[in-house]
Amino acid sequence: MPGTVADAVPGTRVVRRAVRSGDERGTGEEVPEVDRWQGERARRAAPGAERRGEATDVTGHPDVTGHSDVTGAKEPRDTYNFSAGPATLPRPVARRMREEFAAHAADGASIVEISHKNPRFVDLLDTVVADYRELTGLPEDHHLLFVHGGARMQCAAVPLNLIGRSPTRTAAYVVTGLFAQQAQREGARYGTAAIVAHSEDTGFDRIPEVTARHCPPDAAFLHLTSNNTVYGTRWNDFPRDCPAPLVADATSDILSRRLDHGRFGIVYAGFQKNLGPSSAALVTVRDDLLGHALPQTPRLLDYSVYAASKSLDNTPNTFALFVLSLVLEWVRDQGGLAAVERTNLAKARLLYGELDRTAFYRPTAHPDHRSVTNIVFRLADESLTGEFLARAREEGFLGLAGHRLVGGVRASVYNGMPEEGVRALAGFLREFERVRG
């Protein structure tokens, strides 16, 4: 199985500081890497430290081409967006979006100005499907669909397509947080949406045990949410031997780790975390689960329609698919999902290592069930939370406020967050504790 954050939470890496005149330590001893942040802040605050010609691109990342916006304003280089979604994109993807979005082909039109039946767009879509299959190992008997409405629409589409398989119109749900609750409540509109396990009694701080005995024998499917963005937990392993097909909402960890699609009947994910722009979603569905839609299922919620038309029954979100094509190329360039997963585990361990080092911060998720992509914590003195968030924003760390239902702090560390952003945030955590602890 892929590693978990709880497998090892090492201390921060150390680097050798060179002995030089004016070094406040001046000994060449090993110092925590997060201390680099303090030194960099001091350097930029010193006279003559202003940096010139450093604008940011459309995501708030550094514009390494040296472009500025139309006003000529220069933005700070070190802004990092930890928003839970829509989320930061990998820098190379954002750069290629800017460079290629308006690039006209021989026909004089960009990719978003042509018909979705145009051979050029169909070729892009075919390439996206092939790349996704190759990167994820998606089995041949699973269809890859691109649908409208983001993941939230799938809370209705899943029961509409599957619950008719059960003679009693029963489905099973594991409730581990807000979005799992929303899925279960929507499912209840179409039949019995049985909650077979939950962690509400512990504040959704863990993943409950689920075995075959939890699943009703007549359930059409067992639905779970693979990663909990609000409370910061994730499934490190999935239920086995359940008689019903597994359905996973993988919105917040899709393409962040390896996933055995063969264990699932359906996996769906909104684009806005790791795939691209919001309002679109992908769905993988096993072939034998097609053709069971309830009679009242709208045409554009029927998976069979998407499978038969290769997601072209009506005009898809062409821009989102263009961006997804760039994201998939980027994942391949990183060395595939195994390499991306290793990087994400390293980023999470760095942040959890800093949080666990001190009683000043309190991670909220059980150590065995901690999310790799959404790191949720509180300050021991919660009266400092507002000051912490304000200071963080001043220092260029954006989107750190916890979800409105739970408060606190949340650092969302999706694929697009570079390692240097995580190191910088770890340094800020230590510095804020030094000043206010």
Protein backbone atom coordinates (compact mmCIF):
# COMPACT_ATOMS: atom_id res chain seq x y z
CA MET A 1 0.00 0.00 0.00
CA PRO A 2 1.14 3.60 -0.47
CA GLY A 3 2.78 5.14 2.55
CA THR A 4 0.87 7.17 5.10
CA VAL A 5 1.90 10.29 6.92
CA ALA A 6 1.85 8.33 10.17
CA ASP A 7 4.49 5.91 8.86
CA ALA A 8 7.21 8.39 9.64
CA VAL A 9 7.08 11.98 10.82
CA PRO A 10 10.73 12.88 10.85
CA GLY A 11 12.10 16.14 12.12
CA THR A 12 12.80 18.84 9.60
CA ARG A 13 15.69 18.23 7.26
CA VAL A 14 18.92 19.97 8.09
CA VAL A 15 21.28 21.79 5.79
CA ARG A 16 24.87 22.85 6.32
CA ARG A 17 25.16 26.60 6.72
CA ALA A 18 28.40 27.90 5.30
CA VAL A 19 30.78 29.82 7.57
CA ARG A 20 30.91 33.40 6.38
CA SER A 21 31.51 36.84 7.72
CA GLY A 22 28.41 38.28 9.32
CA ASP A 23 26.73 34.90 9.81
CA GLU A 24 24.79 35.27 13.05
CA ARG A 25 25.81 31.74 14.01
CA GLY A 26 29.13 31.71 12.22
CA THR A 27 29.91 28.15 13.17
CA GLY A 28 28.89 26.14 10.11
CA GLU A 29 26.69 23.98 12.29
CA GLU A 30 23.62 22.16 11.01
CA VAL A 31 20.44 24.20 11.23
CA PRO A 32 16.81 23.24 10.48
CA GLU A 33 15.88 23.86 6.87
CA VAL A 34 12.81 25.82 7.91
CA ASP A 35 15.17 28.45 9.34
CA ARG A 36 16.00 29.36 5.75
CA TRP A 37 12.67 31.19 5.65
CA GLN A 38 13.81 33.60 8.37
CA GLY A 39 17.07 34.29 6.61
CA GLU A 40 15.34 34.91 3.30
CA ARG A 41 12.89 37.32 4.91
CA ALA A 42 15.73 39.21 6.51
CA ARG A 43 17.66 39.37 3.24
CA ARG A 44 14.71 40.84 1.37
CA ALA A 45 14.08 43.37 4.11
CA ALA A 46 17.68 44.64 4.06
CA PRO A 47 18.63 47.81 2.14
CA GLY A 48 19.22 47.08 -1.50
CA ALA A 49 17.42 43.77 -1.33
CA GLU A 50 14.59 44.80 -3.62
CA ARG A 51 14.09 42.39 -6.45
CA ARG A 52 13.24 43.73 -9.84
CA GLY A 53 11.31 42.34 -12.79
CA GLU A 54 9.51 39.59 -10.89
CA ALA A 55 5.83 39.44 -11.71
CA THR A 56 3.49 36.57 -10.99
CA ASP A 57 1.50 34.52 -13.44
CA VAL A 58 -2.25 34.03 -13.43
CA THR A 59 -2.12 31.59 -10.52
CA GLY A 60 -0.10 33.85 -8.22
CA HIS A 61 3.06 31.85 -8.88
CA PRO A 62 6.28 33.57 -9.97
CA ASP A 63 6.28 34.50 -13.62
CA VAL A 64 9.64 33.10 -14.53
CA THR A 65 9.45 34.72 -17.95
CA GLY A 66 9.79 38.12 -16.29
CA HIS A 67 6.46 39.43 -17.61
CA SER A 68 4.48 41.98 -15.67
CA ASP A 69 0.80 42.75 -15.89
CA VAL A 70 -0.64 45.43 -18.14
CA THR A 71 -0.17 48.09 -15.48
CA GLY A 72 3.52 47.33 -15.12
CA ALA A 73 3.02 46.40 -11.47
CA LYS A 74 5.40 43.83 -10.00
CA GLU A 75 3.96 41.25 -7.63
CA PRO A 76 5.91 39.54 -4.86
CA ARG A 77 7.63 36.37 -5.99
CA ASP A 78 6.92 34.30 -2.91
CA THR A 79 3.10 34.14 -2.79
CA TYR A 80 1.81 30.63 -2.13
CA ASN A 81 -1.84 29.69 -2.47
CA PHE A 82 -2.96 27.02 0.04
CA SER A 83 -6.64 27.33 -0.88
CA ALA A 84 -8.76 24.17 -0.64
CA GLY A 85 -10.11 24.79 -4.13
CA PRO A 86 -10.15 26.01 -6.73
CA ALA A 87 -6.52 25.40 -6.06
CA THR A 88 -3.08 26.29 -7.28
CA LEU A 89 -1.89 24.66 -10.48
CA PRO A 90 1.63 23.40 -11.12
CA ARG A 91 3.78 26.28 -12.32
CA PRO A 92 4.67 24.72 -15.67
CA VAL A 93 0.98 24.07 -16.34
CA ALA A 94 0.05 27.66 -15.56
CA ARG A 95 2.84 28.91 -17.80
CA ARG A 96 1.75 26.71 -20.71
CA MET A 97 -1.87 27.77 -20.22
CA ARG A 98 -0.83 31.38 -20.74
CA GLU A 99 1.39 30.60 -23.70
CA GLU A 100 -0.84 28.15 -25.54
CA PHE A 101 -4.40 29.18 -24.69
CA ALA A 102 -4.61 31.79 -27.45
CA ALA A 103 -2.19 30.06 -29.79
CA HIS A 104 -3.91 29.77 -33.15
CA ALA A 105 -3.46 26.79 -35.42
CA ALA A 106 -3.52 26.89 -39.21
CA ASP A 107 -7.26 27.47 -39.17
CA GLY A 108 -6.81 30.65 -37.14
CA ALA A 109 -8.70 29.46 -34.05
CA SER A 110 -7.56 28.43 -30.58
CA ILE A 111 -8.59 25.14 -28.99
CA VAL A 112 -11.54 26.80 -27.19
CA GLU A 113 -12.82 28.50 -30.35
CA ILE A 114 -13.51 25.36 -32.36
CA SER A 115 -16.32 22.83 -32.33
CA HIS A 116 -16.12 19.93 -29.92
CA LYS A 117 -16.57 17.74 -33.02
CA ASN A 118 -13.59 19.35 -34.75
CA PRO A 119 -10.88 16.70 -35.39
CA ARG A 120 -8.34 18.85 -33.55
CA PHE A 121 -10.41 18.83 -30.33
CA VAL A 122 -11.38 15.17 -30.72
CA ASP A 123 -7.67 14.36 -31.00
CA LEU A 124 -7.00 16.30 -27.77
CA LEU A 125 -9.80 14.42 -26.01
CA ASP A 126 -8.52 11.06 -27.23
CA THR A 127 -5.06 11.94 -25.98
CA VAL A 128 -6.44 12.91 -22.56
CA VAL A 129 -8.23 9.56 -22.27
CA ALA A 130 -5.14 7.62 -23.34
CA ASP A 131 -2.85 9.55 -20.98
CA TYR A 132 -5.19 9.10 -18.02
CA ARG A 133 -5.47 5.38 -18.67
CA GLU A 134 -1.70 5.02 -18.91
CA LEU A 135 -0.94 7.06 -15.79
CA THR A 136 -3.59 5.47 -13.57
CA GLY A 137 -3.69 1.94 -14.95
CA LEU A 138 -7.42 2.28 -15.55
CA PRO A 139 -8.73 -1.18 -16.54
CA GLU A 140 -10.05 -1.67 -20.07
CA ASP A 141 -13.54 -2.50 -18.78
CA HIS A 142 -13.81 0.94 -17.13
CA HIS A 143 -15.04 3.93 -19.12
CA LEU A 144 -13.60 7.43 -18.60
CA LEU A 145 -16.28 10.11 -18.80
CA PHE A 146 -16.11 13.90 -18.61
CA VAL A 147 -19.27 15.40 -17.17
CA HIS A 148 -20.79 18.70 -16.13
CA GLY A 149 -21.50 20.16 -12.71
CA GLY A 150 -18.41 19.14 -10.77
CA ALA A 151 -18.40 16.43 -8.12
CA ARG A 152 -21.53 17.75 -6.42
CA MET A 153 -23.63 16.79 -9.44
CA GLN A 154 -22.39 13.22 -9.06
CA CYS A 155 -24.07 13.00 -5.66
CA ALA A 156 -27.27 12.74 -7.72
CA ALA A 157 -25.86 10.99 -10.78
CA VAL A 158 -24.49 8.00 -8.84
CA PRO A 159 -27.81 6.94 -7.25
CA LEU A 160 -29.74 7.80 -10.40
CA ASN A 161 -27.51 5.42 -12.36
CA LEU A 162 -27.00 2.67 -9.80
CA ILE A 163 -29.70 2.48 -7.15
CA GLY A 164 -32.07 0.74 -9.56
CA ARG A 165 -29.76 -2.29 -9.37
CA SER A 166 -31.14 -2.93 -5.87
CA PRO A 167 -34.63 -4.47 -5.65
CA THR A 168 -35.22 -2.35 -2.55
CA ARG A 169 -33.53 0.76 -3.94
CA THR A 170 -30.97 0.67 -1.16
CA ALA A 171 -27.49 2.20 -1.16
CA ALA A 172 -24.83 2.25 1.56
CA TYR A 173 -22.83 5.30 2.62
CA VAL A 174 -19.81 5.83 4.87
CA VAL A 175 -20.03 9.34 6.32
CA THR A 176 -16.65 10.85 7.20
CA GLY A 177 -17.35 14.55 6.78
CA LEU A 178 -19.27 17.30 5.04
CA PHE A 179 -19.14 16.07 1.45
CA ALA A 180 -19.92 12.50 2.44
CA GLN A 181 -22.95 13.87 4.29
CA GLN A 182 -24.05 15.78 1.21
CA ALA A 183 -23.74 12.66 -0.94
CA GLN A 184 -25.80 10.59 1.51
CA ARG A 185 -28.53 13.20 1.78
CA GLU A 186 -28.80 13.48 -1.99
CA GLY A 187 -28.88 9.70 -2.32
CA ALA A 188 -31.83 9.56 0.08
CA ARG A 189 -33.95 11.36 -2.54
CA TYR A 190 -33.90 8.27 -4.73
CA GLY A 191 -34.22 5.42 -2.24
CA THR A 192 -32.82 4.24 1.09
CA ALA A 193 -29.39 5.77 1.76
CA ALA A 194 -28.19 3.68 4.70
CA ILE A 195 -25.34 5.09 6.79
CA VAL A 196 -23.31 1.96 7.53
CA ALA A 197 -20.43 3.68 9.36
CA HIS A 198 -19.47 7.20 10.41
CA SER A 199 -17.05 9.13 12.58
CA GLU A 200 -19.30 12.01 13.58
CA ASP A 201 -19.10 11.02 17.25
CA THR A 202 -15.37 11.86 17.26
CA GLY A 203 -15.71 15.05 15.25
CA PHE A 204 -14.85 13.33 11.95
CA ASP A 205 -11.25 13.04 13.08
CA ARG A 206 -10.76 9.51 11.71
CA ILE A 207 -11.92 6.93 9.18
CA PRO A 208 -14.26 4.32 10.73
CA GLU A 209 -13.71 0.62 10.25
CA VAL A 210 -15.75 -0.81 7.40
CA THR A 211 -15.91 -4.51 6.58
CA ALA A 212 -18.18 -6.70 4.48
CA ARG A 213 -20.55 -7.13 7.43
CA HIS A 214 -21.33 -3.41 7.36
CA CYS A 215 -22.72 -3.52 3.84
CA PRO A 216 -26.41 -4.44 3.41
CA PRO A 217 -26.72 -7.49 1.13
CA ASP A 218 -29.17 -5.69 -1.13
CA ALA A 219 -27.16 -2.45 -1.46
CA ALA A 220 -26.64 -1.20 -5.00
CA PHE A 221 -23.31 0.39 -4.04
CA LEU A 222 -21.13 1.48 -1.12
CA HIS A 223 -20.18 5.17 -1.32
CA LEU A 224 -17.20 6.76 0.41
CA THR A 225 -15.17 9.96 0.17
CA SER A 226 -11.51 9.07 -0.23
CA ASN A 227 -10.17 12.30 1.30
CA ASN A 228 -11.93 14.69 3.67
CA THR A 229 -11.02 18.29 2.82
CA VAL A 230 -12.86 19.91 5.75
CA TYR A 231 -11.58 17.77 8.63
CA GLY A 232 -8.30 16.59 7.12
CA THR A 233 -8.62 12.79 7.03
CA ARG A 234 -8.21 10.21 4.28
CA TRP A 235 -8.67 6.53 3.56
CA ASN A 236 -5.30 4.78 3.47
CA ASP A 237 -6.96 1.48 2.56
CA PHE A 238 -10.41 0.75 1.26
CA PRO A 239 -13.10 -1.78 2.24
CA ARG A 240 -12.56 -5.29 0.93
CA ASP A 241 -14.98 -8.10 0.13
CA CYS A 242 -18.02 -5.84 0.14
CA PRO A 243 -20.71 -7.43 -2.05
CA ALA A 244 -21.67 -4.04 -3.49
CA PRO A 245 -19.45 -2.10 -5.89
CA LEU A 246 -17.40 0.64 -4.27
CA VAL A 247 -18.02 4.24 -5.32
CA ALA A 248 -15.46 6.88 -4.36
CA ASP A 249 -15.60 10.65 -4.44
CA ALA A 250 -11.88 11.26 -5.01
CA THR A 251 -12.12 14.98 -5.72
CA SER A 252 -9.44 16.15 -3.31
CA ASP A 253 -6.84 13.45 -3.85
CA ILE A 254 -7.29 12.40 -7.48
CA LEU A 255 -3.88 12.06 -9.18
CA SER A 256 -2.12 12.76 -5.87
CA ARG A 257 -1.49 9.06 -5.21
CA ARG A 258 -1.81 5.69 -6.87
CA LEU A 259 -5.33 4.26 -6.79
CA ASP A 260 -6.34 0.77 -7.85
CA HIS A 261 -9.34 1.58 -10.02
CA GLY A 262 -10.01 -2.11 -10.39
CA ARG A 263 -11.31 -2.18 -6.81
CA PHE A 264 -14.00 0.40 -7.59
CA GLY A 265 -17.15 0.38 -9.64
CA ILE A 266 -17.10 4.18 -9.94
CA VAL A 267 -14.57 6.87 -9.09
CA TYR A 268 -15.53 10.49 -9.62
CA ALA A 269 -13.68 13.74 -9.02
CA GLY A 270 -14.25 17.44 -9.55
CA PHE A 271 -11.50 19.15 -11.51
CA GLN A 272 -10.74 22.05 -9.18
CA LYS A 273 -8.14 20.47 -6.87
CA ASN A 274 -5.64 18.57 -9.02
CA LEU A 275 -7.12 18.47 -12.51
CA GLY A 276 -7.89 22.03 -13.63
CA PRO A 277 -10.75 24.57 -13.56
CA SER A 278 -13.93 24.10 -11.55
CA SER A 279 -17.41 23.00 -12.71
CA ALA A 280 -16.28 19.88 -14.57
CA ALA A 281 -15.71 16.35 -13.30
CA LEU A 282 -14.36 13.04 -14.48
CA VAL A 283 -16.05 9.71 -13.80
CA THR A 284 -14.64 6.24 -14.26
CA VAL A 285 -17.35 3.61 -14.40
CA ARG A 286 -17.13 -0.14 -14.83
CA ASP A 287 -18.88 -1.41 -17.93
CA ASP A 288 -21.36 -3.68 -16.11
CA LEU A 289 -22.71 -0.70 -14.15
CA LEU A 290 -24.02 1.03 -17.26
CA GLY A 291 -27.62 0.67 -18.35
CA HIS A 292 -29.30 0.75 -14.93
CA ALA A 293 -30.38 4.40 -14.80
CA LEU A 294 -33.76 5.19 -13.28
CA PRO A 295 -36.41 6.27 -15.83
CA GLN A 296 -36.40 9.83 -14.51
CA THR A 297 -32.63 10.24 -14.97
CA PRO A 298 -31.92 13.37 -17.06
CA ARG A 299 -30.09 12.62 -20.28
CA LEU A 300 -26.97 14.52 -19.21
CA LEU A 301 -26.77 12.58 -15.94
CA ASP A 302 -26.99 9.17 -17.62
CA TYR A 303 -23.55 7.54 -17.72
CA SER A 304 -24.58 5.37 -20.69
CA VAL A 305 -25.08 8.51 -22.78
CA TYR A 306 -21.59 9.75 -22.00
CA ALA A 307 -20.03 6.35 -22.64
CA ALA A 308 -21.76 5.93 -26.00
CA SER A 309 -20.85 9.45 -27.17
CA LYS A 310 -17.34 9.50 -25.69
CA SER A 311 -18.45 12.50 -23.57
CA LEU A 312 -19.47 14.44 -26.69
CA ASP A 313 -23.27 14.19 -26.53
CA ASN A 314 -23.26 17.93 -25.97
CA THR A 315 -20.47 20.47 -25.80
CA PRO A 316 -18.09 19.63 -22.93
CA ASN A 317 -16.00 22.14 -21.04
CA THR A 318 -13.33 22.45 -23.71
CA PHE A 319 -11.12 24.76 -21.67
CA ALA A 320 -11.11 22.40 -18.68
CA LEU A 321 -10.12 19.50 -20.92
CA PHE A 322 -7.35 21.60 -22.48
CA VAL A 323 -5.97 22.30 -19.01
CA LEU A 324 -6.34 18.64 -18.01
CA SER A 325 -4.25 17.66 -21.02
CA LEU A 326 -1.44 19.87 -19.70
CA VAL A 327 -1.82 18.50 -16.16
CA LEU A 328 -1.51 14.92 -17.37
CA GLU A 329 1.64 15.79 -19.32
CA TRP A 330 3.04 17.40 -16.16
CA VAL A 331 2.31 14.28 -14.09
CA ARG A 332 4.15 12.18 -16.65
CA ASP A 333 7.08 14.61 -16.60
CA GLN A 334 7.34 14.19 -12.81
CA GLY A 335 7.86 10.44 -13.28
CA GLY A 336 4.22 9.36 -13.01
CA LEU A 337 1.90 8.92 -10.05
CA ALA A 338 4.43 7.03 -7.92
CA ALA A 339 6.80 10.01 -8.06
CA VAL A 340 4.01 12.51 -7.45
CA GLU A 341 2.86 10.48 -4.45
CA ARG A 342 6.37 10.42 -2.95
CA THR A 343 6.63 14.19 -3.30
CA ASN A 344 3.22 14.72 -1.68
CA LEU A 345 4.09 12.47 1.25
CA ALA A 346 7.34 14.38 1.78
CA LYS A 347 5.50 17.73 1.77
CA ALA A 348 2.92 16.48 4.27
CA ARG A 349 5.54 14.98 6.56
CA LEU A 350 7.42 18.26 6.65
CA LEU A 351 4.33 20.18 7.78
CA TYR A 352 3.14 17.55 10.24
CA GLY A 353 6.67 17.31 11.61
CA GLU A 354 6.62 21.02 12.40
CA LEU A 355 3.13 20.86 13.90
CA ASP A 356 3.98 17.83 16.06
CA ARG A 357 7.22 19.37 17.26
CA THR A 358 5.41 21.72 19.61
CA ALA A 359 2.27 22.04 21.71
CA PHE A 360 1.70 25.48 20.19
CA TYR A 361 -0.18 23.86 17.28
CA ARG A 362 -2.70 21.01 17.45
CA PRO A 363 -3.41 18.90 14.35
CA THR A 364 -7.03 17.78 14.51
CA ALA A 365 -6.97 14.44 12.63
CA HIS A 366 -6.04 11.16 14.26
CA PRO A 367 -2.39 10.41 13.33
CA ASP A 368 -3.35 7.16 11.61
CA HIS A 369 -5.85 8.88 9.34
CA ARG A 370 -4.22 12.17 8.45
CA SER A 371 -4.81 13.62 5.01
CA VAL A 372 -1.79 14.24 2.82
CA THR A 373 -3.49 16.96 0.80
CA ASN A 374 -5.48 18.88 3.46
CA ILE A 375 -3.60 19.53 6.69
CA VAL A 376 -5.98 20.86 9.34
CA PHE A 377 -4.87 22.22 12.70
CA ARG A 378 -5.67 24.69 15.44
CA LEU A 379 -3.59 26.94 17.61
CA ALA A 380 -3.50 25.86 21.25
CA ASP A 381 -4.43 29.44 22.10
CA GLU A 382 -7.28 29.88 19.66
CA SER A 383 -7.47 33.61 20.35
CA LEU A 384 -4.32 33.87 18.18
CA THR A 385 -5.95 32.34 15.11
CA GLY A 386 -7.06 35.62 13.56
CA GLU A 387 -3.64 37.15 14.06
CA PHE A 388 -1.98 34.04 12.63
CA LEU A 389 -4.08 34.15 9.47
CA ALA A 390 -3.59 37.89 9.02
CA ARG A 391 0.16 37.64 9.48
CA ALA A 392 0.31 34.67 7.12
CA ARG A 393 -1.46 36.61 4.40
CA GLU A 394 0.91 39.53 4.87
CA GLU A 395 3.80 37.13 4.38
CA GLY A 396 2.33 35.71 1.17
CA PHE A 397 0.59 32.54 2.44
CA LEU A 398 -2.94 32.61 1.06
CA GLY A 399 -6.05 30.50 1.64
CA LEU A 400 -5.11 29.15 5.10
CA ALA A 401 -8.40 29.77 6.91
CA GLY A 402 -10.18 26.58 7.93
CA HIS A 403 -13.58 25.72 6.54
CA ARG A 404 -16.33 27.93 7.94
CA LEU A 405 -17.93 24.94 9.72
CA VAL A 406 -14.85 24.14 11.80
CA GLY A 407 -12.61 27.21 11.82
CA GLY A 408 -8.95 26.86 12.66
CA VAL A 409 -6.31 26.60 9.95
CA ARG A 410 -6.11 24.43 6.86
CA ALA A 411 -3.15 24.12 4.49
CA SER A 412 -4.21 22.42 1.27
CA VAL A 413 -1.13 20.92 -0.32
CA TYR A 414 -2.24 19.62 -3.69
CA ASN A 415 0.02 18.58 -6.54
CA GLY A 416 0.51 22.16 -7.66
CA MET A 417 2.00 23.36 -4.37
CA PRO A 418 5.79 23.33 -4.82
CA GLU A 419 8.00 21.94 -2.09
CA GLU A 420 9.54 25.36 -1.49
CA GLY A 421 6.09 26.69 -0.59
CA VAL A 422 5.69 24.01 2.05
CA ARG A 423 9.16 24.68 3.44
CA ALA A 424 8.35 28.39 3.58
CA LEU A 425 5.09 27.73 5.44
CA ALA A 426 6.90 25.45 7.91
CA GLY A 427 9.32 28.28 8.56
CA PHE A 428 6.47 30.70 9.12
CA LEU A 429 4.90 28.31 11.65
CA ARG A 430 8.12 28.20 13.62
CA GLU A 431 8.64 31.95 13.47
CA PHE A 432 5.09 32.74 14.55
CA GLU A 433 5.51 30.43 17.51
CA ARG A 434 8.80 32.12 18.41
CA VAL A 435 7.19 35.56 18.38
CA ARG A 436 3.84 34.72 19.97
CA GLY A 437 4.48 31.50 21.86
